[in-house]
Amino acid sequence: MKNTFLILLTLSFVQKNFAQDYLENLGKKVNSIYSEIRPTISADGNTLYYVVEGNPNNVNYKKDKRAQDVWSVTRINDTSWNEPVHCPAPINIAKDNAVFWVSPDGNRLLLRGAFDSGNYLGRGISMCNRTADGWTMPQQLLINNYVKMARSEEHTSE
């Protein structure tokens, strides 16, 4: 419980104190004809996770043309990025996926949605870890009264 509180406190501090007040186009490799939202950058600034809405390559696009999946891109230098990568399962397994936080070492992600061994349970936040074989199945972080505290338009469709 204490660790969960510290993570949430850190997230709110970082978002409030380091968020940009302007939009920046990162070029044709990153920005596309689709809606890109919710950028989350790694601590070293070299990996960017972001949500793409409505891309036909998204996992649940056939069911919902507005489905949101996580994509990532890595930095080549100060002005260039590699080609975007559609993140694999288990990062993209629900209808609307998002990365909320990347650990400083880049080996843990906080994901939108509550999961238990890869099964979507509904609203919440889950953690997955990078291993030599890829990402582990997301596991729900148990946060007392999360559903009560997370009342927003964004969460009403979950």
C-alpha atoms as a PDB file:
ATOM      1  CA  MET A   1       0.000   0.000   0.000  1.00  0.00           C
ATOM      2  CA  LYS A   2       2.806   2.393   0.911  1.00  0.00           C
ATOM      3  CA  ASN A   3       4.594   1.716  -2.413  1.00  0.00           C
ATOM      4  CA  THR A   4       1.377   2.260  -4.381  1.00  0.00           C
ATOM      5  CA  PHE A   5       0.808   5.587  -2.626  1.00  0.00           C
ATOM      6  CA  LEU A   6       4.386   6.685  -3.361  1.00  0.00           C
ATOM      7  CA  ILE A   7       4.017   5.764  -7.048  1.00  0.00           C
ATOM      8  CA  LEU A   8       0.780   7.730  -7.364  1.00  0.00           C
ATOM      9  CA  LEU A   9       2.234  10.705  -5.500  1.00  0.00           C
ATOM     10  CA  THR A  10       5.298  10.668  -7.762  1.00  0.00           C
ATOM     11  CA  LEU A  11       3.118  10.462 -10.878  1.00  0.00           C
ATOM     12  CA  SER A  12       1.038  13.472  -9.868  1.00  0.00           C
ATOM     13  CA  PHE A  13       4.176  15.494  -9.007  1.00  0.00           C
ATOM     14  CA  VAL A  14       5.890  14.666 -12.300  1.00  0.00           C
ATOM     15  CA  GLN A  15       2.803  15.397 -14.370  1.00  0.00           C
ATOM     16  CA  LYS A  16       2.126  18.706 -12.622  1.00  0.00           C
ATOM     17  CA  ASN A  17       5.708  19.997 -12.550  1.00  0.00           C
ATOM     18  CA  PHE A  18       7.204  18.702 -15.782  1.00  0.00           C
ATOM     19  CA  ALA A  19       4.289  18.663 -18.234  1.00  0.00           C
ATOM     20  CA  GLN A  20       4.666  20.709 -21.413  1.00  0.00           C
ATOM     21  CA  ASP A  21       2.266  23.536 -22.091  1.00  0.00           C
ATOM     22  CA  TYR A  22       2.614  23.155 -25.871  1.00  0.00           C
ATOM     23  CA  LEU A  23       2.376  20.494 -28.560  1.00  0.00           C
ATOM     24  CA  GLU A  24       5.492  19.457 -30.443  1.00  0.00           C
ATOM     25  CA  ASN A  25       5.427  17.655 -33.769  1.00  0.00           C
ATOM     26  CA  LEU A  26       8.143  14.975 -33.752  1.00  0.00           C
ATOM     27  CA  GLY A  27       8.081  14.480 -37.502  1.00  0.00           C
ATOM     28  CA  LYS A  28       6.475  12.051 -39.920  1.00  0.00           C
ATOM     29  CA  LYS A  29       7.977   8.970 -38.268  1.00  0.00           C
ATOM     30  CA  VAL A  30       6.184   9.655 -34.987  1.00  0.00           C
ATOM     31  CA  ASN A  31       3.215  11.838 -35.917  1.00  0.00           C
ATOM     32  CA  SER A  32       0.766  10.248 -38.324  1.00  0.00           C
ATOM     33  CA  ILE A  33      -2.709  10.787 -39.748  1.00  0.00           C
ATOM     34  CA  TYR A  34      -4.130   9.146 -36.603  1.00  0.00           C
ATOM     35  CA  SER A  35      -4.661  10.747 -33.202  1.00  0.00           C
ATOM     36  CA  GLU A  36      -1.598  10.437 -30.981  1.00  0.00           C
ATOM     37  CA  ILE A  37      -2.234  11.141 -27.320  1.00  0.00           C
ATOM     38  CA  ARG A  38      -0.868  10.503 -23.829  1.00  0.00           C
ATOM     39  CA  PRO A  39       2.916  10.658 -24.405  1.00  0.00           C
ATOM     40  CA  THR A  40       5.004   9.031 -21.678  1.00  0.00           C
ATOM     41  CA  ILE A  41       8.772   9.380 -21.964  1.00  0.00           C
ATOM     42  CA  SER A  42      11.402   7.199 -20.312  1.00  0.00           C
ATOM     43  CA  ALA A  43      13.688   8.752 -17.694  1.00  0.00           C
ATOM     44  CA  ASP A  44      16.627   8.879 -20.112  1.00  0.00           C
ATOM     45  CA  GLY A  45      14.448  10.601 -22.736  1.00  0.00           C
ATOM     46  CA  ASN A  46      15.208   7.960 -25.361  1.00  0.00           C
ATOM     47  CA  THR A  47      11.971   5.956 -25.457  1.00  0.00           C
ATOM     48  CA  LEU A  48       8.565   7.491 -25.984  1.00  0.00           C
ATOM     49  CA  TYR A  49       5.377   5.511 -25.346  1.00  0.00           C
ATOM     50  CA  TYR A  50       2.182   7.015 -26.701  1.00  0.00           C
ATOM     51  CA  VAL A  51      -1.378   6.049 -27.565  1.00  0.00           C
ATOM     52  CA  VAL A  52      -2.560   5.898 -31.171  1.00  0.00           C
ATOM     53  CA  GLU A  53      -6.301   5.963 -31.724  1.00  0.00           C
ATOM     54  CA  GLY A  54      -7.965   4.492 -34.793  1.00  0.00           C
ATOM     55  CA  ASN A  55      -4.956   2.848 -36.436  1.00  0.00           C
ATOM     56  CA  PRO A  56      -6.083  -0.262 -38.392  1.00  0.00           C
ATOM     57  CA  ASN A  57      -3.124  -2.137 -36.842  1.00  0.00           C
ATOM     58  CA  ASN A  58      -4.533  -1.656 -33.332  1.00  0.00           C
ATOM     59  CA  VAL A  59      -5.569  -4.884 -31.604  1.00  0.00           C
ATOM     60  CA  ASN A  60      -9.314  -4.182 -31.367  1.00  0.00           C
ATOM     61  CA  TYR A  61      -9.684  -1.961 -34.441  1.00  0.00           C
ATOM     62  CA  LYS A  62     -12.089  -4.390 -36.164  1.00  0.00           C
ATOM     63  CA  LYS A  63     -14.473  -4.195 -33.180  1.00  0.00           C
ATOM     64  CA  ASP A  64     -14.041  -0.467 -32.555  1.00  0.00           C
ATOM     65  CA  LYS A  65     -12.546   1.960 -35.090  1.00  0.00           C
ATOM     66  CA  ARG A  66     -11.547   4.233 -32.181  1.00  0.00           C
ATOM     67  CA  ALA A  67      -9.618   1.550 -30.278  1.00  0.00           C
ATOM     68  CA  GLN A  68      -6.459   2.859 -28.620  1.00  0.00           C
ATOM     69  CA  ASP A  69      -3.150   1.002 -28.544  1.00  0.00           C
ATOM     70  CA  VAL A  70       0.288   1.821 -27.177  1.00  0.00           C
ATOM     71  CA  TRP A  71       3.076   2.450 -29.659  1.00  0.00           C
ATOM     72  CA  SER A  72       6.700   3.293 -28.853  1.00  0.00           C
ATOM     73  CA  VAL A  73       9.572   4.964 -30.593  1.00  0.00           C
ATOM     74  CA  THR A  74      13.250   5.305 -29.670  1.00  0.00           C
ATOM     75  CA  ARG A  75      15.460   8.325 -30.179  1.00  0.00           C
ATOM     76  CA  ILE A  76      18.329   8.250 -32.682  1.00  0.00           C
ATOM     77  CA  ASN A  77      19.687  11.697 -31.781  1.00  0.00           C
ATOM     78  CA  ASP A  78      18.402  15.116 -30.640  1.00  0.00           C
ATOM     79  CA  THR A  79      16.267  15.595 -33.748  1.00  0.00           C
ATOM     80  CA  SER A  80      15.551  12.093 -35.109  1.00  0.00           C
ATOM     81  CA  TRP A  81      13.513   9.075 -34.048  1.00  0.00           C
ATOM     82  CA  ASN A  82      13.406   5.476 -35.263  1.00  0.00           C
ATOM     83  CA  GLU A  83      10.284   4.013 -36.851  1.00  0.00           C
ATOM     84  CA  PRO A  84       7.382   3.608 -34.395  1.00  0.00           C
ATOM     85  CA  VAL A  85       6.703   0.123 -33.047  1.00  0.00           C
ATOM     86  CA  HIS A  86       3.248  -1.184 -32.214  1.00  0.00           C
ATOM     87  CA  CYS A  87       3.772  -2.587 -28.715  1.00  0.00           C
ATOM     88  CA  PRO A  88       2.996  -6.293 -28.468  1.00  0.00           C
ATOM     89  CA  ALA A  89       0.763  -8.103 -26.007  1.00  0.00           C
ATOM     90  CA  PRO A  90       0.558  -7.960 -23.092  1.00  0.00           C
ATOM     91  CA  ILE A  91       0.857  -4.167 -23.325  1.00  0.00           C
ATOM     92  CA  ASN A  92      -1.925  -4.068 -25.927  1.00  0.00           C
ATOM     93  CA  ILE A  93      -4.612  -6.554 -24.952  1.00  0.00           C
ATOM     94  CA  ALA A  94      -7.610  -4.444 -23.930  1.00  0.00           C
ATOM     95  CA  LYS A  95      -9.805  -2.143 -26.029  1.00  0.00           C
ATOM     96  CA  ASP A  96      -8.164   1.054 -24.824  1.00  0.00           C
ATOM     97  CA  ASN A  97      -4.540   0.692 -23.763  1.00  0.00           C
ATOM     98  CA  ALA A  98      -2.190   3.280 -22.279  1.00  0.00           C
ATOM     99  CA  VAL A  99       1.111   3.551 -20.428  1.00  0.00           C
ATOM    100  CA  PHE A 100       0.859   5.812 -17.373  1.00  0.00           C
ATOM    101  CA  TRP A 101       4.468   5.548 -16.155  1.00  0.00           C
ATOM    102  CA  VAL A 102       7.859   4.070 -17.071  1.00  0.00           C
ATOM    103  CA  SER A 103      10.266   3.122 -14.282  1.00  0.00           C
ATOM    104  CA  PRO A 104      13.613   4.944 -14.279  1.00  0.00           C
ATOM    105  CA  ASP A 105      15.387   1.799 -15.510  1.00  0.00           C
ATOM    106  CA  GLY A 106      12.753   1.264 -18.243  1.00  0.00           C
ATOM    107  CA  ASN A 107      11.888  -2.225 -17.019  1.00  0.00           C
ATOM    108  CA  ARG A 108       8.463  -1.604 -15.454  1.00  0.00           C
ATOM    109  CA  LEU A 109       5.325  -0.032 -16.883  1.00  0.00           C
ATOM    110  CA  LEU A 110       2.129   1.127 -15.218  1.00  0.00           C
ATOM    111  CA  LEU A 111      -0.721   0.321 -17.587  1.00  0.00           C
ATOM    112  CA  ARG A 112      -4.302   1.492 -17.844  1.00  0.00           C
ATOM    113  CA  GLY A 113      -6.793  -1.113 -16.650  1.00  0.00           C
ATOM    114  CA  ALA A 114      -6.927  -3.787 -13.990  1.00  0.00           C
ATOM    115  CA  PHE A 115      -5.578  -7.149 -15.129  1.00  0.00           C
ATOM    116  CA  ASP A 116      -5.122 -10.502 -13.462  1.00  0.00           C
ATOM    117  CA  SER A 117      -2.743 -12.801 -15.361  1.00  0.00           C
ATOM    118  CA  GLY A 118      -3.615 -10.993 -18.584  1.00  0.00           C
ATOM    119  CA  ASN A 119      -7.389 -11.057 -18.066  1.00  0.00           C
ATOM    120  CA  TYR A 120      -9.015  -7.633 -18.165  1.00  0.00           C
ATOM    121  CA  LEU A 121     -10.990  -6.974 -14.976  1.00  0.00           C
ATOM    122  CA  GLY A 122     -12.075  -3.370 -15.589  1.00  0.00           C
ATOM    123  CA  ARG A 123     -10.990  -0.006 -14.252  1.00  0.00           C
ATOM    124  CA  GLY A 124      -7.693   0.205 -12.455  1.00  0.00           C
ATOM    125  CA  ILE A 125      -3.942   0.282 -12.866  1.00  0.00           C
ATOM    126  CA  SER A 126      -1.626  -2.655 -13.475  1.00  0.00           C
ATOM    127  CA  MET A 127       2.123  -3.217 -13.549  1.00  0.00           C
ATOM    128  CA  CYS A 128       4.132  -5.292 -15.998  1.00  0.00           C
ATOM    129  CA  ASN A 129       7.862  -6.029 -15.997  1.00  0.00           C
ATOM    130  CA  ARG A 130      10.370  -6.444 -18.805  1.00  0.00           C
ATOM    131  CA  THR A 131      12.152  -9.808 -18.860  1.00  0.00           C
ATOM    132  CA  ALA A 132      14.602 -11.380 -21.292  1.00  0.00           C
ATOM    133  CA  ASP A 133      11.570 -12.855 -23.105  1.00  0.00           C
ATOM    134  CA  GLY A 134       9.505  -9.635 -23.280  1.00  0.00           C
ATOM    135  CA  TRP A 135       6.901  -8.123 -20.964  1.00  0.00           C
ATOM    136  CA  THR A 136       5.163 -10.058 -18.194  1.00  0.00           C
ATOM    137  CA  MET A 137       1.382 -10.208 -18.026  1.00  0.00           C
ATOM    138  CA  PRO A 138       0.087  -7.087 -16.292  1.00  0.00           C
ATOM    139  CA  GLN A 139      -0.939  -7.533 -12.686  1.00  0.00           C
ATOM    140  CA  GLN A 140      -3.421  -5.245 -10.978  1.00  0.00           C
ATOM    141  CA  LEU A 141      -2.163  -2.900  -8.280  1.00  0.00           C
ATOM    142  CA  LEU A 142      -4.656  -3.012  -5.439  1.00  0.00           C
ATOM    143  CA  ILE A 143      -5.523   0.570  -4.559  1.00  0.00           C
ATOM    144  CA  ASN A 144      -8.178   1.045  -1.901  1.00  0.00           C
ATOM    145  CA  ASN A 145     -11.208   2.951  -3.224  1.00  0.00           C
ATOM    146  CA  TYR A 146      -9.654   3.359  -6.699  1.00  0.00           C
ATOM    147  CA  VAL A 147     -13.003   3.250  -8.514  1.00  0.00           C
ATOM    148  CA  LYS A 148     -14.407   5.918  -6.179  1.00  0.00           C
ATOM    149  CA  MET A 149     -11.346   8.169  -6.572  1.00  0.00           C
ATOM    150  CA  ALA A 150     -10.983   7.773 -10.350  1.00  0.00           C
ATOM    151  CA  ARG A 151     -14.181   9.424 -11.456  1.00  0.00           C
ATOM    152  CA  SER A 152     -13.451  10.992 -14.823  1.00  0.00           C
ATOM    153  CA  GLU A 153     -14.828  10.935 -18.339  1.00  0.00           C
ATOM    154  CA  GLU A 154     -11.805   8.910 -19.395  1.00  0.00           C
ATOM    155  CA  HIS A 155     -12.748   6.071 -17.045  1.00  0.00           C
ATOM    156  CA  THR A 156     -16.483   5.946 -17.689  1.00  0.00           C
ATOM    157  CA  SER A 157     -16.098   3.682 -20.737  1.00  0.00           C
ATOM    158  CA  GLU A 158     -13.888   1.116 -19.001  1.00  0.00           C
END
